[in-house]
């Protein structure tokens, strides 16, 4: 889980954005799922339905998502807890063969 904190309180809207990329080890496939409660309170956690996922059979998986403000500020705190799930799909789960996750 990652807390994405809104720090821009200006009158011009700046959407909240998160991106993540997952690289699976050779010979193994993991998928990436992102959960966020877009319309909830800053402390709300979503864990039932991902808002976006990447289920590539090979190569890296990546997801992006944005929420909150558009052109104008909405006057509310758009801080959210973002949950990321890395799910094993197939291949050899060998010791030392690890996946890499980068969150921006």
PDB file of N, CA and C in Angstrom:
ATOM      1  N   UNK A   1       0.837  -1.176   0.000  1.00  0.00           N
ATOM      2  CA  UNK A   1       0.000   0.000   0.000  1.00  0.00           C
ATOM      3  C   UNK A   1       0.881   1.238   0.000  1.00  0.00           C
ATOM      4  N   UNK A   2       0.386   2.278  -0.678  1.00  0.00           N
ATOM      5  CA  UNK A   2       1.078   3.550  -0.775  1.00  0.00           C
ATOM      6  C   UNK A   2       0.038   4.641  -0.537  1.00  0.00           C
ATOM      7  N   UNK A   3       0.355   5.599   0.311  1.00  0.00           N
ATOM      8  CA  UNK A   3      -0.532   6.742   0.489  1.00  0.00           C
ATOM      9  C   UNK A   3      -0.103   7.838  -0.468  1.00  0.00           C
ATOM     10  N   UNK A   4      -1.019   8.232  -1.340  1.00  0.00           N
ATOM     11  CA  UNK A   4      -0.785   9.320  -2.287  1.00  0.00           C
ATOM     12  C   UNK A   4      -1.415  10.570  -1.677  1.00  0.00           C
ATOM     13  N   UNK A   5      -0.582  11.519  -1.250  1.00  0.00           N
ATOM     14  CA  UNK A   5      -1.049  12.710  -0.543  1.00  0.00           C
ATOM     15  C   UNK A   5      -1.179  13.896  -1.484  1.00  0.00           C
ATOM     16  N   UNK A   6      -2.333  14.556  -1.422  1.00  0.00           N
ATOM     17  CA  UNK A   6      -2.525  15.776  -2.198  1.00  0.00           C
ATOM     18  C   UNK A   6      -1.856  16.927  -1.458  1.00  0.00           C
ATOM     19  N   UNK A   7      -0.959  17.614  -2.140  1.00  0.00           N
ATOM     20  CA  UNK A   7      -0.248  18.735  -1.521  1.00  0.00           C
ATOM     21  C   UNK A   7      -0.483  20.039  -2.264  1.00  0.00           C
ATOM     22  N   UNK A   8      -1.187  20.004  -3.393  1.00  0.00           N
ATOM     23  CA  UNK A   8      -1.477  21.205  -4.177  1.00  0.00           C
ATOM     24  C   UNK A   8      -2.894  21.665  -3.833  1.00  0.00           C
ATOM     25  N   UNK A   9      -3.009  22.802  -3.168  1.00  0.00           N
ATOM     26  CA  UNK A   9      -4.320  23.311  -2.761  1.00  0.00           C
ATOM     27  C   UNK A   9      -4.709  24.561  -3.541  1.00  0.00           C
ATOM     28  N   UNK A  10      -4.109  24.757  -4.720  1.00  0.00           N
ATOM     29  CA  UNK A  10      -4.398  25.924  -5.549  1.00  0.00           C
ATOM     30  C   UNK A  10      -5.779  25.844  -6.184  1.00  0.00           C
ATOM     31  N   UNK A  11      -6.149  26.905  -6.910  1.00  0.00           N
ATOM     32  CA  UNK A  11      -7.467  26.966  -7.543  1.00  0.00           C
ATOM     33  C   UNK A  11      -7.513  26.240  -8.879  1.00  0.00           C
ATOM     34  N   UNK A  12      -6.371  25.976  -9.458  1.00  0.00           N
ATOM     35  CA  UNK A  12      -6.314  25.214 -10.706  1.00  0.00           C
ATOM     36  C   UNK A  12      -6.233  23.732 -10.357  1.00  0.00           C
ATOM     37  N   UNK A  13      -7.071  22.946 -11.014  1.00  0.00           N
ATOM     38  CA  UNK A  13      -7.134  21.522 -10.709  1.00  0.00           C
ATOM     39  C   UNK A  13      -5.918  20.761 -11.191  1.00  0.00           C
ATOM     40  N   UNK A  14      -5.410  19.903 -10.332  1.00  0.00           N
ATOM     41  CA  UNK A  14      -4.301  19.007 -10.673  1.00  0.00           C
ATOM     42  C   UNK A  14      -4.729  17.603 -10.249  1.00  0.00           C
ATOM     43  N   UNK A  15      -5.003  16.723 -11.216  1.00  0.00           N
ATOM     44  CA  UNK A  15      -5.437  15.372 -10.848  1.00  0.00           C
ATOM     45  C   UNK A  15      -4.349  14.610 -10.091  1.00  0.00           C
ATOM     46  N   UNK A  16      -4.766  13.720  -9.239  1.00  0.00           N
ATOM     47  CA  UNK A  16      -3.858  12.791  -8.581  1.00  0.00           C
ATOM     48  C   UNK A  16      -3.568  11.670  -9.580  1.00  0.00           C
ATOM     49  N   UNK A  17      -2.312  11.244  -9.661  1.00  0.00           N
ATOM     50  CA  UNK A  17      -1.926  10.201 -10.607  1.00  0.00           C
ATOM     51  C   UNK A  17      -0.978   9.218  -9.937  1.00  0.00           C
ATOM     52  N   UNK A  18      -1.110   7.965 -10.305  1.00  0.00           N
ATOM     53  CA  UNK A  18      -0.181   6.948  -9.843  1.00  0.00           C
ATOM     54  C   UNK A  18       0.113   6.015 -11.012  1.00  0.00           C
ATOM     55  N   UNK A  19       1.339   5.555 -11.073  1.00  0.00           N
ATOM     56  CA  UNK A  19       1.741   4.581 -12.076  1.00  0.00           C
ATOM     57  C   UNK A  19       2.629   3.538 -11.427  1.00  0.00           C
ATOM     58  N   UNK A  20       2.559   2.329 -11.941  1.00  0.00           N
ATOM     59  CA  UNK A  20       3.410   1.262 -11.417  1.00  0.00           C
ATOM     60  C   UNK A  20       3.803   0.343 -12.566  1.00  0.00           C
ATOM     61  N   UNK A  21       5.019  -0.162 -12.489  1.00  0.00           N
ATOM     62  CA  UNK A  21       5.474  -1.128 -13.487  1.00  0.00           C
ATOM     63  C   UNK A  21       6.092  -2.328 -12.769  1.00  0.00           C
ATOM     64  N   UNK A  22       5.800  -3.497 -13.307  1.00  0.00           N
ATOM     65  CA  UNK A  22       6.228  -4.766 -12.724  1.00  0.00           C
ATOM     66  C   UNK A  22       7.031  -5.537 -13.760  1.00  0.00           C
ATOM     67  N   UNK A  23       8.218  -5.980 -13.379  1.00  0.00           N
ATOM     68  CA  UNK A  23       9.036  -6.827 -14.237  1.00  0.00           C
ATOM     69  C   UNK A  23       9.155  -8.194 -13.579  1.00  0.00           C
ATOM     70  N   UNK A  24       8.688  -9.206 -14.291  1.00  0.00           N
ATOM     71  CA  UNK A  24       8.764 -10.580 -13.782  1.00  0.00           C
ATOM     72  C   UNK A  24      10.127 -11.177 -14.106  1.00  0.00           C
ATOM     73  N   UNK A  25      10.598 -12.124 -13.287  1.00  0.00           N
ATOM     74  CA  UNK A  25      11.872 -12.786 -13.599  1.00  0.00           C
ATOM     75  C   UNK A  25      11.717 -13.673 -14.833  1.00  0.00           C
ATOM     76  N   UNK A  26      12.812 -13.982 -15.512  1.00  0.00           N
ATOM     77  CA  UNK A  26      12.739 -14.851 -16.697  1.00  0.00           C
ATOM     78  C   UNK A  26      12.063 -16.179 -16.370  1.00  0.00           C
ATOM     79  N   UNK A  27      11.167 -16.615 -17.259  1.00  0.00           N
ATOM     80  CA  UNK A  27      10.499 -17.903 -17.093  1.00  0.00           C
ATOM     81  C   UNK A  27       9.333 -17.896 -16.127  1.00  0.00           C
ATOM     82  N   UNK A  28       8.969 -16.737 -15.598  1.00  0.00           N
ATOM     83  CA  UNK A  28       7.863 -16.642 -14.645  1.00  0.00           C
ATOM     84  C   UNK A  28       6.977 -15.474 -15.035  1.00  0.00           C
ATOM     85  N   UNK A  29       5.677 -15.615 -14.802  1.00  0.00           N
ATOM     86  CA  UNK A  29       4.734 -14.550 -15.119  1.00  0.00           C
ATOM     87  C   UNK A  29       3.961 -14.142 -13.876  1.00  0.00           C
ATOM     88  N   UNK A  30       4.048 -12.867 -13.523  1.00  0.00           N
ATOM     89  CA  UNK A  30       3.253 -12.267 -12.469  1.00  0.00           C
ATOM     90  C   UNK A  30       2.391 -11.174 -13.111  1.00  0.00           C
ATOM     91  N   UNK A  31       1.207 -10.926 -12.574  1.00  0.00           N
ATOM     92  CA  UNK A  31       0.327  -9.860 -13.048  1.00  0.00           C
ATOM     93  C   UNK A  31       0.209  -8.778 -11.988  1.00  0.00           C
ATOM     94  N   UNK A  32      -0.232  -7.587 -12.403  1.00  0.00           N
ATOM     95  CA  UNK A  32      -0.276  -6.417 -11.533  1.00  0.00           C
ATOM     96  C   UNK A  32      -1.688  -5.858 -11.465  1.00  0.00           C
ATOM     97  N   UNK A  33      -2.171  -5.597 -10.248  1.00  0.00           N
ATOM     98  CA  UNK A  33      -3.512  -5.061 -10.001  1.00  0.00           C
ATOM     99  C   UNK A  33      -3.399  -3.839  -9.095  1.00  0.00           C
ATOM    100  N   UNK A  34      -4.165  -2.785  -9.427  1.00  0.00           N
ATOM    101  CA  UNK A  34      -4.152  -1.550  -8.647  1.00  0.00           C
ATOM    102  C   UNK A  34      -5.549  -1.287  -8.107  1.00  0.00           C
ATOM    103  N   UNK A  35      -5.621  -1.010  -6.821  1.00  0.00           N
ATOM    104  CA  UNK A  35      -6.883  -0.735  -6.136  1.00  0.00           C
ATOM    105  C   UNK A  35      -6.818   0.658  -5.513  1.00  0.00           C
ATOM    106  N   UNK A  36      -7.887   1.454  -5.678  1.00  0.00           N
ATOM    107  CA  UNK A  36      -7.990   2.751  -5.008  1.00  0.00           C
ATOM    108  C   UNK A  36      -9.471   3.096  -4.905  1.00  0.00           C
ATOM    109  N   UNK A  37      -9.861   3.659  -3.793  1.00  0.00           N
ATOM    110  CA  UNK A  37     -11.232   4.111  -3.579  1.00  0.00           C
ATOM    111  C   UNK A  37     -11.311   5.556  -4.069  1.00  0.00           C
ATOM    112  N   UNK A  38     -11.652   5.743  -5.348  1.00  0.00           N
ATOM    113  CA  UNK A  38     -11.647   7.070  -5.978  1.00  0.00           C
ATOM    114  C   UNK A  38     -12.536   8.095  -5.279  1.00  0.00           C
ATOM    115  N   UNK A  39     -13.677   7.676  -4.813  1.00  0.00           N
ATOM    116  CA  UNK A  39     -14.651   8.625  -4.267  1.00  0.00           C
ATOM    117  C   UNK A  39     -14.757   8.564  -2.749  1.00  0.00           C
ATOM    118  N   UNK A  40     -13.880   7.854  -2.108  1.00  0.00           N
ATOM    119  CA  UNK A  40     -13.951   7.667  -0.668  1.00  0.00           C
ATOM    120  C   UNK A  40     -13.198   8.720   0.113  1.00  0.00           C
ATOM    121  N   UNK A  41     -13.085   8.476   1.377  1.00  0.00           N
ATOM    122  CA  UNK A  41     -12.319   9.330   2.271  1.00  0.00           C
ATOM    123  C   UNK A  41     -10.831   9.052   2.083  1.00  0.00           C
ATOM    124  N   UNK A  42      -9.983  10.012   2.458  1.00  0.00           N
ATOM    125  CA  UNK A  42      -8.536   9.787   2.304  1.00  0.00           C
ATOM    126  C   UNK A  42      -8.030   8.526   2.994  1.00  0.00           C
ATOM    127  N   UNK A  43      -8.725   8.058   4.027  1.00  0.00           N
ATOM    128  CA  UNK A  43      -8.260   6.871   4.740  1.00  0.00           C
ATOM    129  C   UNK A  43      -8.935   5.589   4.261  1.00  0.00           C
ATOM    130  N   UNK A  44      -9.819   5.678   3.246  1.00  0.00           N
ATOM    131  CA  UNK A  44     -10.519   4.494   2.746  1.00  0.00           C
ATOM    132  C   UNK A  44      -9.569   3.613   1.954  1.00  0.00           C
ATOM    133  N   UNK A  45      -9.757   2.302   2.101  1.00  0.00           N
ATOM    134  CA  UNK A  45      -8.957   1.345   1.340  1.00  0.00           C
ATOM    135  C   UNK A  45      -9.881   0.512   0.465  1.00  0.00           C
ATOM    136  N   UNK A  46      -9.521   0.354  -0.782  1.00  0.00           N
ATOM    137  CA  UNK A  46     -10.272  -0.511  -1.696  1.00  0.00           C
ATOM    138  C   UNK A  46      -9.516  -1.827  -1.817  1.00  0.00           C
ATOM    139  N   UNK A  47     -10.242  -2.938  -1.761  1.00  0.00           N
ATOM    140  CA  UNK A  47      -9.550  -4.218  -1.868  1.00  0.00           C
ATOM    141  C   UNK A  47     -10.385  -5.280  -2.574  1.00  0.00           C
ATOM    142  N   UNK A  48     -11.524  -4.911  -3.149  1.00  0.00           N
ATOM    143  CA  UNK A  48     -12.353  -5.936  -3.774  1.00  0.00           C
ATOM    144  C   UNK A  48     -12.251  -5.955  -5.292  1.00  0.00           C
ATOM    145  N   UNK A  49     -12.279  -4.807  -5.937  1.00  0.00           N
ATOM    146  CA  UNK A  49     -12.237  -4.740  -7.392  1.00  0.00           C
ATOM    147  C   UNK A  49     -11.135  -3.781  -7.827  1.00  0.00           C
ATOM    148  N   UNK A  50     -10.160  -4.259  -8.598  1.00  0.00           N
ATOM    149  CA  UNK A  50      -9.112  -3.346  -9.048  1.00  0.00           C
ATOM    150  C   UNK A  50      -9.684  -2.311 -10.021  1.00  0.00           C
ATOM    151  N   UNK A  51      -9.158  -1.081  -9.969  1.00  0.00           N
ATOM    152  CA  UNK A  51      -9.580  -0.056 -10.929  1.00  0.00           C
ATOM    153  C   UNK A  51      -8.844  -0.227 -12.248  1.00  0.00           C
ATOM    154  N   UNK A  52      -7.703  -0.886 -12.212  1.00  0.00           N
ATOM    155  CA  UNK A  52      -6.937  -1.162 -13.418  1.00  0.00           C
ATOM    156  C   UNK A  52      -6.015  -2.349 -13.144  1.00  0.00           C
ATOM    157  N   UNK A  53      -5.722  -3.105 -14.203  1.00  0.00           N
ATOM    158  CA  UNK A  53      -4.815  -4.245 -14.049  1.00  0.00           C
ATOM    159  C   UNK A  53      -4.029  -4.448 -15.340  1.00  0.00           C
ATOM    160  N   UNK A  54      -2.958  -5.193 -15.221  1.00  0.00           N
ATOM    161  CA  UNK A  54      -2.151  -5.570 -16.372  1.00  0.00           C
ATOM    162  C   UNK A  54      -1.861  -7.059 -16.256  1.00  0.00           C
ATOM    163  N   UNK A  55      -2.273  -7.808 -17.275  1.00  0.00           N
ATOM    164  CA  UNK A  55      -2.140  -9.259 -17.239  1.00  0.00           C
ATOM    165  C   UNK A  55      -1.425  -9.772 -18.486  1.00  0.00           C
ATOM    166  N   UNK A  56      -0.324  -9.126 -18.822  1.00  0.00           N
ATOM    167  CA  UNK A  56       0.455  -9.549 -19.980  1.00  0.00           C
ATOM    168  C   UNK A  56       1.013 -10.953 -19.774  1.00  0.00           C
ATOM    169  N   UNK A  57       0.982 -11.752 -20.839  1.00  0.00           N
ATOM    170  CA  UNK A  57       1.519 -13.111 -20.759  1.00  0.00           C
ATOM    171  C   UNK A  57       3.041 -13.109 -20.720  1.00  0.00           C
ATOM    172  N   UNK A  58       3.655 -12.063 -21.279  1.00  0.00           N
ATOM    173  CA  UNK A  58       5.107 -11.937 -21.232  1.00  0.00           C
ATOM    174  C   UNK A  58       5.473 -10.462 -21.240  1.00  0.00           C
ATOM    175  N   UNK A  59       6.687 -10.185 -20.839  1.00  0.00           N
ATOM    176  CA  UNK A  59       7.132  -8.796 -20.772  1.00  0.00           C
ATOM    177  C   UNK A  59       6.623  -8.099 -19.534  1.00  0.00           C
ATOM    178  N   UNK A  60       6.970  -6.826 -19.377  1.00  0.00           N
ATOM    179  CA  UNK A  60       6.571  -6.088 -18.179  1.00  0.00           C
ATOM    180  C   UNK A  60       5.082  -5.783 -18.162  1.00  0.00           C
ATOM    181  N   UNK A  61       4.554  -5.618 -16.965  1.00  0.00           N
ATOM    182  CA  UNK A  61       3.172  -5.187 -16.748  1.00  0.00           C
ATOM    183  C   UNK A  61       3.224  -3.775 -16.195  1.00  0.00           C
ATOM    184  N   UNK A  62       2.305  -2.903 -16.651  1.00  0.00           N
ATOM    185  CA  UNK A  62       2.266  -1.551 -16.098  1.00  0.00           C
ATOM    186  C   UNK A  62       0.830  -1.065 -16.022  1.00  0.00           C
ATOM    187  N   UNK A  63       0.576  -0.219 -15.017  1.00  0.00           N
ATOM    188  CA  UNK A  63      -0.743   0.362 -14.807  1.00  0.00           C
ATOM    189  C   UNK A  63      -0.590   1.844 -14.481  1.00  0.00           C
ATOM    190  N   UNK A  64      -1.594   2.637 -14.856  1.00  0.00           N
ATOM    191  CA  UNK A  64      -1.674   4.037 -14.458  1.00  0.00           C
ATOM    192  C   UNK A  64      -3.126   4.333 -14.117  1.00  0.00           C
ATOM    193  N   UNK A  65      -3.307   5.290 -13.221  1.00  0.00           N
ATOM    194  CA  UNK A  65      -4.665   5.683 -12.823  1.00  0.00           C
ATOM    195  C   UNK A  65      -4.617   7.105 -12.293  1.00  0.00           C
ATOM    196  N   UNK A  66      -5.686   7.864 -12.550  1.00  0.00           N
ATOM    197  CA  UNK A  66      -5.801   9.218 -12.004  1.00  0.00           C
ATOM    198  C   UNK A  66      -7.200   9.411 -11.440  1.00  0.00           C
ATOM    199  N   UNK A  67      -7.328  10.340 -10.499  1.00  0.00           N
ATOM    200  CA  UNK A  67      -8.608  10.633  -9.850  1.00  0.00           C
ATOM    201  C   UNK A  67      -8.568  12.048  -9.307  1.00  0.00           C
ATOM    202  N   UNK A  68      -9.716  12.495  -8.816  1.00  0.00           N
ATOM    203  CA  UNK A  68      -9.791  13.799  -8.161  1.00  0.00           C
ATOM    204  C   UNK A  68     -10.139  14.905  -9.133  1.00  0.00           C
ATOM    205  N   UNK A  69      -9.362  15.944  -9.115  1.00  0.00           N
ATOM    206  CA  UNK A  69      -9.677  17.173  -9.822  1.00  0.00           C
ATOM    207  C   UNK A  69      -9.516  17.058 -11.335  1.00  0.00           C
ATOM    208  N   UNK A  70     -10.207  17.956 -12.017  1.00  0.00           N
ATOM    209  CA  UNK A  70     -10.053  18.099 -13.467  1.00  0.00           C
ATOM    210  C   UNK A  70      -9.446  19.473 -13.716  1.00  0.00           C
ATOM    211  N   UNK A  71     -10.103  20.326 -14.502  1.00  0.00           N
ATOM    212  CA  UNK A  71      -9.571  21.650 -14.823  1.00  0.00           C
ATOM    213  C   UNK A  71      -9.561  22.580 -13.617  1.00  0.00           C
ATOM    214  N   UNK A  72     -10.605  22.494 -12.796  1.00  0.00           N
ATOM    215  CA  UNK A  72     -10.706  23.340 -11.606  1.00  0.00           C
ATOM    216  C   UNK A  72     -10.529  22.502 -10.354  1.00  0.00           C
ATOM    217  N   UNK A  73     -10.028  23.148  -9.302  1.00  0.00           N
ATOM    218  CA  UNK A  73      -9.872  22.463  -8.014  1.00  0.00           C
ATOM    219  C   UNK A  73     -11.248  22.078  -7.486  1.00  0.00           C
ATOM    220  N   UNK A  74     -11.327  20.936  -6.804  1.00  0.00           N
ATOM    221  CA  UNK A  74     -12.606  20.476  -6.273  1.00  0.00           C
ATOM    222  C   UNK A  74     -12.814  20.836  -4.805  1.00  0.00           C
ATOM    223  N   UNK A  75     -11.828  21.426  -4.167  1.00  0.00           N
ATOM    224  CA  UNK A  75     -11.988  21.864  -2.778  1.00  0.00           C
ATOM    225  C   UNK A  75     -12.007  20.749  -1.753  1.00  0.00           C
ATOM    226  N   UNK A  76     -11.671  19.540  -2.151  1.00  0.00           N
ATOM    227  CA  UNK A  76     -11.626  18.425  -1.200  1.00  0.00           C
ATOM    228  C   UNK A  76     -10.248  17.777  -1.237  1.00  0.00           C
ATOM    229  N   UNK A  77      -9.948  17.051  -0.192  1.00  0.00           N
ATOM    230  CA  UNK A  77      -8.667  16.352  -0.094  1.00  0.00           C
ATOM    231  C   UNK A  77      -8.742  15.080  -0.927  1.00  0.00           C
ATOM    232  N   UNK A  78      -7.945  14.986  -1.969  1.00  0.00           N
ATOM    233  CA  UNK A  78      -7.940  13.818  -2.840  1.00  0.00           C
ATOM    234  C   UNK A  78      -6.873  12.789  -2.460  1.00  0.00           C
ATOM    235  N   UNK A  79      -6.333  12.896  -1.256  1.00  0.00           N
ATOM    236  CA  UNK A  79      -5.395  11.896  -0.747  1.00  0.00           C
ATOM    237  C   UNK A  79      -6.093  10.535  -0.725  1.00  0.00           C
ATOM    238  N   UNK A  80      -5.402   9.505  -1.175  1.00  0.00           N
ATOM    239  CA  UNK A  80      -5.969   8.155  -1.183  1.00  0.00           C
ATOM    240  C   UNK A  80      -4.891   7.127  -0.852  1.00  0.00           C
ATOM    241  N   UNK A  81      -5.348   5.996  -0.340  1.00  0.00           N
ATOM    242  CA  UNK A  81      -4.486   4.837  -0.149  1.00  0.00           C
ATOM    243  C   UNK A  81      -4.583   3.993  -1.405  1.00  0.00           C
ATOM    244  N   UNK A  82      -3.458   3.754  -2.048  1.00  0.00           N
ATOM    245  CA  UNK A  82      -3.393   2.942  -3.256  1.00  0.00           C
ATOM    246  C   UNK A  82      -2.808   1.586  -2.870  1.00  0.00           C
ATOM    247  N   UNK A  83      -3.518   0.525  -3.224  1.00  0.00           N
ATOM    248  CA  UNK A  83      -3.028  -0.831  -2.961  1.00  0.00           C
ATOM    249  C   UNK A  83      -2.624  -1.466  -4.280  1.00  0.00           C
ATOM    250  N   UNK A  84      -1.487  -2.134  -4.270  1.00  0.00           N
ATOM    251  CA  UNK A  84      -0.989  -2.839  -5.446  1.00  0.00           C
ATOM    252  C   UNK A  84      -0.864  -4.318  -5.109  1.00  0.00           C
ATOM    253  N   UNK A  85      -1.325  -5.146  -6.017  1.00  0.00           N
ATOM    254  CA  UNK A  85      -1.236  -6.591  -5.830  1.00  0.00           C
ATOM    255  C   UNK A  85      -0.385  -7.177  -6.950  1.00  0.00           C
ATOM    256  N   UNK A  86       0.600  -7.960  -6.583  1.00  0.00           N
ATOM    257  CA  UNK A  86       1.400  -8.720  -7.536  1.00  0.00           C
ATOM    258  C   UNK A  86       0.942 -10.168  -7.394  1.00  0.00           C
ATOM    259  N   UNK A  87       0.404 -10.708  -8.478  1.00  0.00           N
ATOM    260  CA  UNK A  87      -0.213 -12.036  -8.422  1.00  0.00           C
ATOM    261  C   UNK A  87       0.550 -13.025  -9.313  1.00  0.00           C
ATOM    262  N   UNK A  88       0.967 -14.142  -8.722  1.00  0.00           N
ATOM    263  CA  UNK A  88       1.639 -15.201  -9.475  1.00  0.00           C
ATOM    264  C   UNK A  88       0.664 -15.805 -10.485  1.00  0.00           C
ATOM    265  N   UNK A  89       1.150 -16.040 -11.717  1.00  0.00           N
ATOM    266  CA  UNK A  89       0.322 -16.638 -12.756  1.00  0.00           C
ATOM    267  C   UNK A  89       0.888 -17.973 -13.209  1.00  0.00           C
ATOM    268  N   UNK A  90       2.172 -17.985 -13.604  1.00  0.00           N
ATOM    269  CA  UNK A  90       2.736 -19.232 -14.129  1.00  0.00           C
ATOM    270  C   UNK A  90       4.262 -19.181 -14.129  1.00  0.00           C
ATOM    271  N   UNK A  91       4.855 -20.343 -14.360  1.00  0.00           N
ATOM    272  CA  UNK A  91       6.303 -20.430 -14.454  1.00  0.00           C
ATOM    273  C   UNK A  91       6.934 -20.947 -13.181  1.00  0.00           C
ATOM    274  N   UNK A  92       8.253 -21.012 -13.221  1.00  0.00           N
ATOM    275  CA  UNK A  92       9.023 -21.524 -12.102  1.00  0.00           C
ATOM    276  C   UNK A  92       9.238 -20.439 -11.063  1.00  0.00           C
ATOM    277  N   UNK A  93       8.935 -20.755  -9.840  1.00  0.00           N
ATOM    278  CA  UNK A  93       9.155 -19.826  -8.724  1.00  0.00           C
ATOM    279  C   UNK A  93      10.468 -20.240  -8.037  1.00  0.00           C
ATOM    280  N   UNK A  94      11.565 -19.902  -8.658  1.00  0.00           N
ATOM    281  CA  UNK A  94      12.871 -20.327  -8.162  1.00  0.00           C
ATOM    282  C   UNK A  94      13.401 -19.357  -7.118  1.00  0.00           C
ATOM    283  N   UNK A  95      14.140 -19.865  -6.118  1.00  0.00           N
ATOM    284  CA  UNK A  95      14.767 -18.971  -5.143  1.00  0.00           C
ATOM    285  C   UNK A  95      15.709 -17.995  -5.857  1.00  0.00           C
ATOM    286  N   UNK A  96      15.645 -16.764  -5.470  1.00  0.00           N
ATOM    287  CA  UNK A  96      16.493 -15.752  -6.062  1.00  0.00           C
ATOM    288  C   UNK A  96      15.920 -15.113  -7.319  1.00  0.00           C
ATOM    289  N   UNK A  97      14.892 -15.709  -7.914  1.00  0.00           N
ATOM    290  CA  UNK A  97      14.240 -15.130  -9.089  1.00  0.00           C
ATOM    291  C   UNK A  97      13.113 -14.219  -8.585  1.00  0.00           C
ATOM    292  N   UNK A  98      13.404 -12.955  -8.490  1.00  0.00           N
ATOM    293  CA  UNK A  98      12.437 -12.026  -7.896  1.00  0.00           C
ATOM    294  C   UNK A  98      11.878 -11.059  -8.938  1.00  0.00           C
ATOM    295  N   UNK A  99      10.688 -10.583  -8.685  1.00  0.00           N
ATOM    296  CA  UNK A  99      10.095  -9.557  -9.528  1.00  0.00           C
ATOM    297  C   UNK A  99      10.498  -8.189  -8.993  1.00  0.00           C
ATOM    298  N   UNK A 100      10.352  -7.158  -9.838  1.00  0.00           N
ATOM    299  CA  UNK A 100      10.678  -5.789  -9.454  1.00  0.00           C
ATOM    300  C   UNK A 100       9.454  -4.917  -9.698  1.00  0.00           C
ATOM    301  N   UNK A 101       9.099  -4.120  -8.684  1.00  0.00           N
ATOM    302  CA  UNK A 101       7.954  -3.226  -8.777  1.00  0.00           C
ATOM    303  C   UNK A 101       8.429  -1.801  -8.556  1.00  0.00           C
ATOM    304  N   UNK A 102       8.083  -0.907  -9.498  1.00  0.00           N
ATOM    305  CA  UNK A 102       8.414   0.520  -9.384  1.00  0.00           C
ATOM    306  C   UNK A 102       7.108   1.295  -9.363  1.00  0.00           C
ATOM    307  N   UNK A 103       6.945   2.160  -8.358  1.00  0.00           N
ATOM    308  CA  UNK A 103       5.734   2.979  -8.205  1.00  0.00           C
ATOM    309  C   UNK A 103       6.115   4.441  -8.327  1.00  0.00           C
ATOM    310  N   UNK A 104       5.365   5.173  -9.157  1.00  0.00           N
ATOM    311  CA  UNK A 104       5.607   6.604  -9.337  1.00  0.00           C
ATOM    312  C   UNK A 104       4.332   7.369  -9.082  1.00  0.00           C
TER     313      UNK A 104
END
